Amino acid sequence: MRVEVVLAGATAPEPLPIEDLVEAELWSQLPADLPELMPFIADTFGWDWYRFAQEYLLELYGPGSEEICFLVARQGERIVGYCQQRRERFGPFGVSPEMRNKGIGRVLLFQCLATMLTKGFHCAWFLWTGQDAARLYTLAGFEPVRQFEVMMHG
């Protein structure tokens, strides 16, 4: 499935009630985050996401860095989530399981989309998601534009 949102004219949903939010800080990714960030991604989301993050970070610190957004959410000294984007492709992004449903993913998503808009991107897309994240993407205005089917022989 390809899912996308038009960024021009997009608005963030109403803020969550204060009791639903957790105290966390959002930062652009810094080189000092790497020793903690990369194990967080591998341990929490797996090696495929680690590979994506590694590719994005190589570009972030090299040519093409103006086309990348990489955000890190921290609670105190601990990384609790991150978000990445390269050109129009959004994600992957995620929040550690024990910190989900506290508004951190929403803040990461909308801050990244706002950054994309200021960089001149007119849409954002990704290829797949799970049901839990799909609700959040719907709040941001993402809609399926193409469906893929897995065909098996036999």
C-alpha atoms as a PDB file:
ATOM      1  CA  MET A   1       0.000   0.000   0.000  1.00  0.00           C
ATOM      2  CA  ARG A   2       1.260   3.494  -0.725  1.00  0.00           C
ATOM      3  CA  VAL A   3      -0.152   6.119   1.608  1.00  0.00           C
ATOM      4  CA  GLU A   4       0.378   9.852   1.221  1.00  0.00           C
ATOM      5  CA  VAL A   5      -0.733  13.247   2.454  1.00  0.00           C
ATOM      6  CA  VAL A   6      -0.670  16.634   0.712  1.00  0.00           C
ATOM      7  CA  LEU A   7       1.258  18.984   2.995  1.00  0.00           C
ATOM      8  CA  ALA A   8       0.118  22.345   1.594  1.00  0.00           C
ATOM      9  CA  GLY A   9      -2.742  23.557   3.766  1.00  0.00           C
ATOM     10  CA  ALA A  10      -2.366  20.701   6.264  1.00  0.00           C
ATOM     11  CA  THR A  11      -3.131  21.477   9.891  1.00  0.00           C
ATOM     12  CA  ALA A  12      -2.335  19.644  13.084  1.00  0.00           C
ATOM     13  CA  PRO A  13      -5.204  18.115  15.056  1.00  0.00           C
ATOM     14  CA  GLU A  14      -6.310  19.602  18.361  1.00  0.00           C
ATOM     15  CA  PRO A  15      -3.752  19.083  21.132  1.00  0.00           C
ATOM     16  CA  LEU A  16      -4.272  16.070  23.361  1.00  0.00           C
ATOM     17  CA  PRO A  17      -5.654  16.683  26.862  1.00  0.00           C
ATOM     18  CA  ILE A  18      -2.792  17.427  29.238  1.00  0.00           C
ATOM     19  CA  GLU A  19      -3.333  14.209  31.207  1.00  0.00           C
ATOM     20  CA  ASP A  20      -2.658  12.231  28.002  1.00  0.00           C
ATOM     21  CA  LEU A  21       0.743  13.805  27.441  1.00  0.00           C
ATOM     22  CA  VAL A  22       4.016  12.726  28.943  1.00  0.00           C
ATOM     23  CA  GLU A  23       6.900  15.054  29.593  1.00  0.00           C
ATOM     24  CA  ALA A  24       9.380  14.511  26.793  1.00  0.00           C
ATOM     25  CA  GLU A  25      11.643  16.743  24.752  1.00  0.00           C
ATOM     26  CA  LEU A  26      11.983  16.732  20.984  1.00  0.00           C
ATOM     27  CA  TRP A  27      15.375  17.406  19.396  1.00  0.00           C
ATOM     28  CA  SER A  28      16.889  17.357  15.976  1.00  0.00           C
ATOM     29  CA  GLN A  29      19.255  14.413  15.937  1.00  0.00           C
ATOM     30  CA  LEU A  30      22.780  15.300  17.043  1.00  0.00           C
ATOM     31  CA  PRO A  31      26.020  13.317  16.573  1.00  0.00           C
ATOM     32  CA  ALA A  32      26.206  12.875  20.365  1.00  0.00           C
ATOM     33  CA  ASP A  33      22.917  10.876  20.186  1.00  0.00           C
ATOM     34  CA  LEU A  34      24.357   8.170  17.925  1.00  0.00           C
ATOM     35  CA  PRO A  35      25.862   5.840  20.588  1.00  0.00           C
ATOM     36  CA  GLU A  36      22.447   5.622  22.292  1.00  0.00           C
ATOM     37  CA  LEU A  37      20.186   6.128  19.255  1.00  0.00           C
ATOM     38  CA  MET A  38      21.343   3.278  17.033  1.00  0.00           C
ATOM     39  CA  PRO A  39      21.033   0.539  19.712  1.00  0.00           C
ATOM     40  CA  PHE A  40      17.612   2.006  20.656  1.00  0.00           C
ATOM     41  CA  ILE A  41      16.420   1.621  17.054  1.00  0.00           C
ATOM     42  CA  ALA A  42      17.839  -1.901  16.639  1.00  0.00           C
ATOM     43  CA  ASP A  43      16.552  -3.165  20.005  1.00  0.00           C
ATOM     44  CA  THR A  44      13.117  -1.542  19.812  1.00  0.00           C
ATOM     45  CA  PHE A  45      12.259  -1.778  16.106  1.00  0.00           C
ATOM     46  CA  GLY A  46      14.667  -4.282  14.552  1.00  0.00           C
ATOM     47  CA  TRP A  47      17.517  -4.364  12.089  1.00  0.00           C
ATOM     48  CA  ASP A  48      15.516  -3.266   9.049  1.00  0.00           C
ATOM     49  CA  TRP A  49      14.725   0.057  10.728  1.00  0.00           C
ATOM     50  CA  TYR A  50      18.355   0.283  11.849  1.00  0.00           C
ATOM     51  CA  ARG A  51      19.422  -0.020   8.205  1.00  0.00           C
ATOM     52  CA  PHE A  52      17.024   2.768   7.149  1.00  0.00           C
ATOM     53  CA  ALA A  53      18.279   5.024   9.938  1.00  0.00           C
ATOM     54  CA  GLN A  54      21.879   4.332   8.982  1.00  0.00           C
ATOM     55  CA  GLU A  55      21.210   5.295   5.341  1.00  0.00           C
ATOM     56  CA  TYR A  56      19.410   8.505   6.345  1.00  0.00           C
ATOM     57  CA  LEU A  57      22.127   9.500   8.804  1.00  0.00           C
ATOM     58  CA  LEU A  58      24.862   8.997   6.212  1.00  0.00           C
ATOM     59  CA  GLU A  59      23.042  11.513   4.011  1.00  0.00           C
ATOM     60  CA  LEU A  60      22.246  13.823   6.943  1.00  0.00           C
ATOM     61  CA  TYR A  61      25.960  14.252   7.623  1.00  0.00           C
ATOM     62  CA  GLY A  62      26.899  14.459   3.947  1.00  0.00           C
ATOM     63  CA  PRO A  63      25.557  15.814   0.657  1.00  0.00           C
ATOM     64  CA  GLY A  64      21.763  16.052   0.538  1.00  0.00           C
ATOM     65  CA  SER A  65      21.339  16.881   4.219  1.00  0.00           C
ATOM     66  CA  GLU A  66      18.818  19.635   3.420  1.00  0.00           C
ATOM     67  CA  GLU A  67      16.402  16.921   2.239  1.00  0.00           C
ATOM     68  CA  ILE A  68      16.405  15.014   5.547  1.00  0.00           C
ATOM     69  CA  CYS A  69      14.685  15.470   8.901  1.00  0.00           C
ATOM     70  CA  PHE A  70      15.722  13.232  11.793  1.00  0.00           C
ATOM     71  CA  LEU A  71      14.127  13.903  15.193  1.00  0.00           C
ATOM     72  CA  VAL A  72      14.750  12.287  18.579  1.00  0.00           C
ATOM     73  CA  ALA A  73      12.336  12.331  21.557  1.00  0.00           C
ATOM     74  CA  ARG A  74      13.892  12.049  25.014  1.00  0.00           C
ATOM     75  CA  GLN A  75      12.449  11.697  28.466  1.00  0.00           C
ATOM     76  CA  GLY A  76      15.214  12.931  30.698  1.00  0.00           C
ATOM     77  CA  GLU A  77      18.399  11.281  29.443  1.00  0.00           C
ATOM     78  CA  ARG A  78      16.605   8.340  27.799  1.00  0.00           C
ATOM     79  CA  ILE A  79      15.621   8.177  24.105  1.00  0.00           C
ATOM     80  CA  VAL A  80      11.928   7.215  23.882  1.00  0.00           C
ATOM     81  CA  GLY A  81      11.243   7.743  20.175  1.00  0.00           C
ATOM     82  CA  TYR A  82      12.529   8.976  16.863  1.00  0.00           C
ATOM     83  CA  CYS A  83      11.315  10.039  13.446  1.00  0.00           C
ATOM     84  CA  GLN A  84      13.029  10.244  10.072  1.00  0.00           C
ATOM     85  CA  GLN A  85      12.224  11.541   6.607  1.00  0.00           C
ATOM     86  CA  ARG A  86      14.170  11.715   3.352  1.00  0.00           C
ATOM     87  CA  ARG A  87      12.772  13.820   0.532  1.00  0.00           C
ATOM     88  CA  GLU A  88       9.038  12.958   0.269  1.00  0.00           C
ATOM     89  CA  ARG A  89       9.412   9.578   1.962  1.00  0.00           C
ATOM     90  CA  PHE A  90       8.258   9.675   5.563  1.00  0.00           C
ATOM     91  CA  GLY A  91       9.488   7.219   8.180  1.00  0.00           C
ATOM     92  CA  PRO A  92       9.939   4.897   9.602  1.00  0.00           C
ATOM     93  CA  PHE A  93       9.292   6.402  12.991  1.00  0.00           C
ATOM     94  CA  GLY A  94       8.440   4.940  16.342  1.00  0.00           C
ATOM     95  CA  VAL A  95       8.093   5.268  20.086  1.00  0.00           C
ATOM     96  CA  SER A  96       9.265   2.701  22.642  1.00  0.00           C
ATOM     97  CA  PRO A  97       6.364   0.372  23.583  1.00  0.00           C
ATOM     98  CA  GLU A  98       6.038   1.567  27.180  1.00  0.00           C
ATOM     99  CA  MET A  99       5.768   5.215  26.033  1.00  0.00           C
ATOM    100  CA  ARG A 100       3.117   4.754  23.328  1.00  0.00           C
ATOM    101  CA  ASN A 101      -0.308   6.434  23.520  1.00  0.00           C
ATOM    102  CA  LYS A 102       1.139   9.415  25.383  1.00  0.00           C
ATOM    103  CA  GLY A 103       1.286  11.884  22.459  1.00  0.00           C
ATOM    104  CA  ILE A 104       4.981  11.467  21.628  1.00  0.00           C
ATOM    105  CA  GLY A 105       4.343   9.865  18.223  1.00  0.00           C
ATOM    106  CA  ARG A 106       1.871  12.606  17.340  1.00  0.00           C
ATOM    107  CA  VAL A 107       4.410  15.321  18.176  1.00  0.00           C
ATOM    108  CA  LEU A 108       7.144  13.535  16.186  1.00  0.00           C
ATOM    109  CA  LEU A 109       4.880  13.044  13.159  1.00  0.00           C
ATOM    110  CA  PHE A 110       3.526  16.588  13.007  1.00  0.00           C
ATOM    111  CA  GLN A 111       6.885  18.242  13.693  1.00  0.00           C
ATOM    112  CA  CYS A 112       8.467  16.223  10.894  1.00  0.00           C
ATOM    113  CA  LEU A 113       5.625  17.065   8.472  1.00  0.00           C
ATOM    114  CA  ALA A 114       5.923  20.764   9.395  1.00  0.00           C
ATOM    115  CA  THR A 115       9.677  20.612   8.752  1.00  0.00           C
ATOM    116  CA  MET A 116       9.056  18.934   5.388  1.00  0.00           C
ATOM    117  CA  LEU A 117       6.664  21.731   4.408  1.00  0.00           C
ATOM    118  CA  THR A 118       9.206  24.441   5.318  1.00  0.00           C
ATOM    119  CA  LYS A 119      11.770  22.626   3.146  1.00  0.00           C
ATOM    120  CA  GLY A 120       9.426  22.890   0.148  1.00  0.00           C
ATOM    121  CA  PHE A 121       8.052  19.353  -0.011  1.00  0.00           C
ATOM    122  CA  HIS A 122       4.413  19.226  -1.129  1.00  0.00           C
ATOM    123  CA  CYS A 123       3.518  15.684  -0.059  1.00  0.00           C
ATOM    124  CA  ALA A 124       4.719  12.879   2.188  1.00  0.00           C
ATOM    125  CA  TRP A 125       4.361   9.144   1.589  1.00  0.00           C
ATOM    126  CA  PHE A 126       5.223   5.733   3.012  1.00  0.00           C
ATOM    127  CA  LEU A 127       4.576   2.191   1.800  1.00  0.00           C
ATOM    128  CA  TRP A 128       3.082   0.310   4.763  1.00  0.00           C
ATOM    129  CA  THR A 129       2.010   0.556   8.388  1.00  0.00           C
ATOM    130  CA  GLY A 130       0.366  -1.436  11.146  1.00  0.00           C
ATOM    131  CA  GLN A 131      -3.146  -0.806  12.438  1.00  0.00           C
ATOM    132  CA  ASP A 132      -2.065   1.115  15.556  1.00  0.00           C
ATOM    133  CA  ALA A 133      -0.021   3.675  13.623  1.00  0.00           C
ATOM    134  CA  ALA A 134      -2.683   3.898  10.887  1.00  0.00           C
ATOM    135  CA  ARG A 135      -4.971   5.781  13.289  1.00  0.00           C
ATOM    136  CA  LEU A 136      -2.292   8.398  13.860  1.00  0.00           C
ATOM    137  CA  TYR A 137      -1.574   8.733  10.145  1.00  0.00           C
ATOM    138  CA  THR A 138      -5.297   9.264   9.506  1.00  0.00           C
ATOM    139  CA  LEU A 139      -5.257  12.188  11.976  1.00  0.00           C
ATOM    140  CA  ALA A 140      -2.488  13.734   9.879  1.00  0.00           C
ATOM    141  CA  GLY A 141      -4.540  13.379   6.680  1.00  0.00           C
ATOM    142  CA  PHE A 142      -2.722  10.424   5.108  1.00  0.00           C
ATOM    143  CA  GLU A 143      -4.872   8.382   2.716  1.00  0.00           C
ATOM    144  CA  PRO A 144      -4.153   5.171   0.773  1.00  0.00           C
ATOM    145  CA  VAL A 145      -3.476   5.908  -2.891  1.00  0.00           C
ATOM    146  CA  ARG A 146      -2.333   2.450  -4.025  1.00  0.00           C
ATOM    147  CA  GLN A 147      -2.809  -1.099  -2.710  1.00  0.00           C
ATOM    148  CA  PHE A 148      -0.402  -3.987  -3.173  1.00  0.00           C
ATOM    149  CA  GLU A 149      -1.265  -7.673  -2.950  1.00  0.00           C
ATOM    150  CA  VAL A 150       1.093 -10.525  -2.146  1.00  0.00           C
ATOM    151  CA  MET A 151       0.635 -13.294  -4.687  1.00  0.00           C
ATOM    152  CA  MET A 152       1.705 -16.813  -3.826  1.00  0.00           C
ATOM    153  CA  HIS A 153       2.103 -19.699  -6.217  1.00  0.00           C
ATOM    154  CA  GLY A 154       0.749 -23.088  -5.268  1.00  0.00           C
END
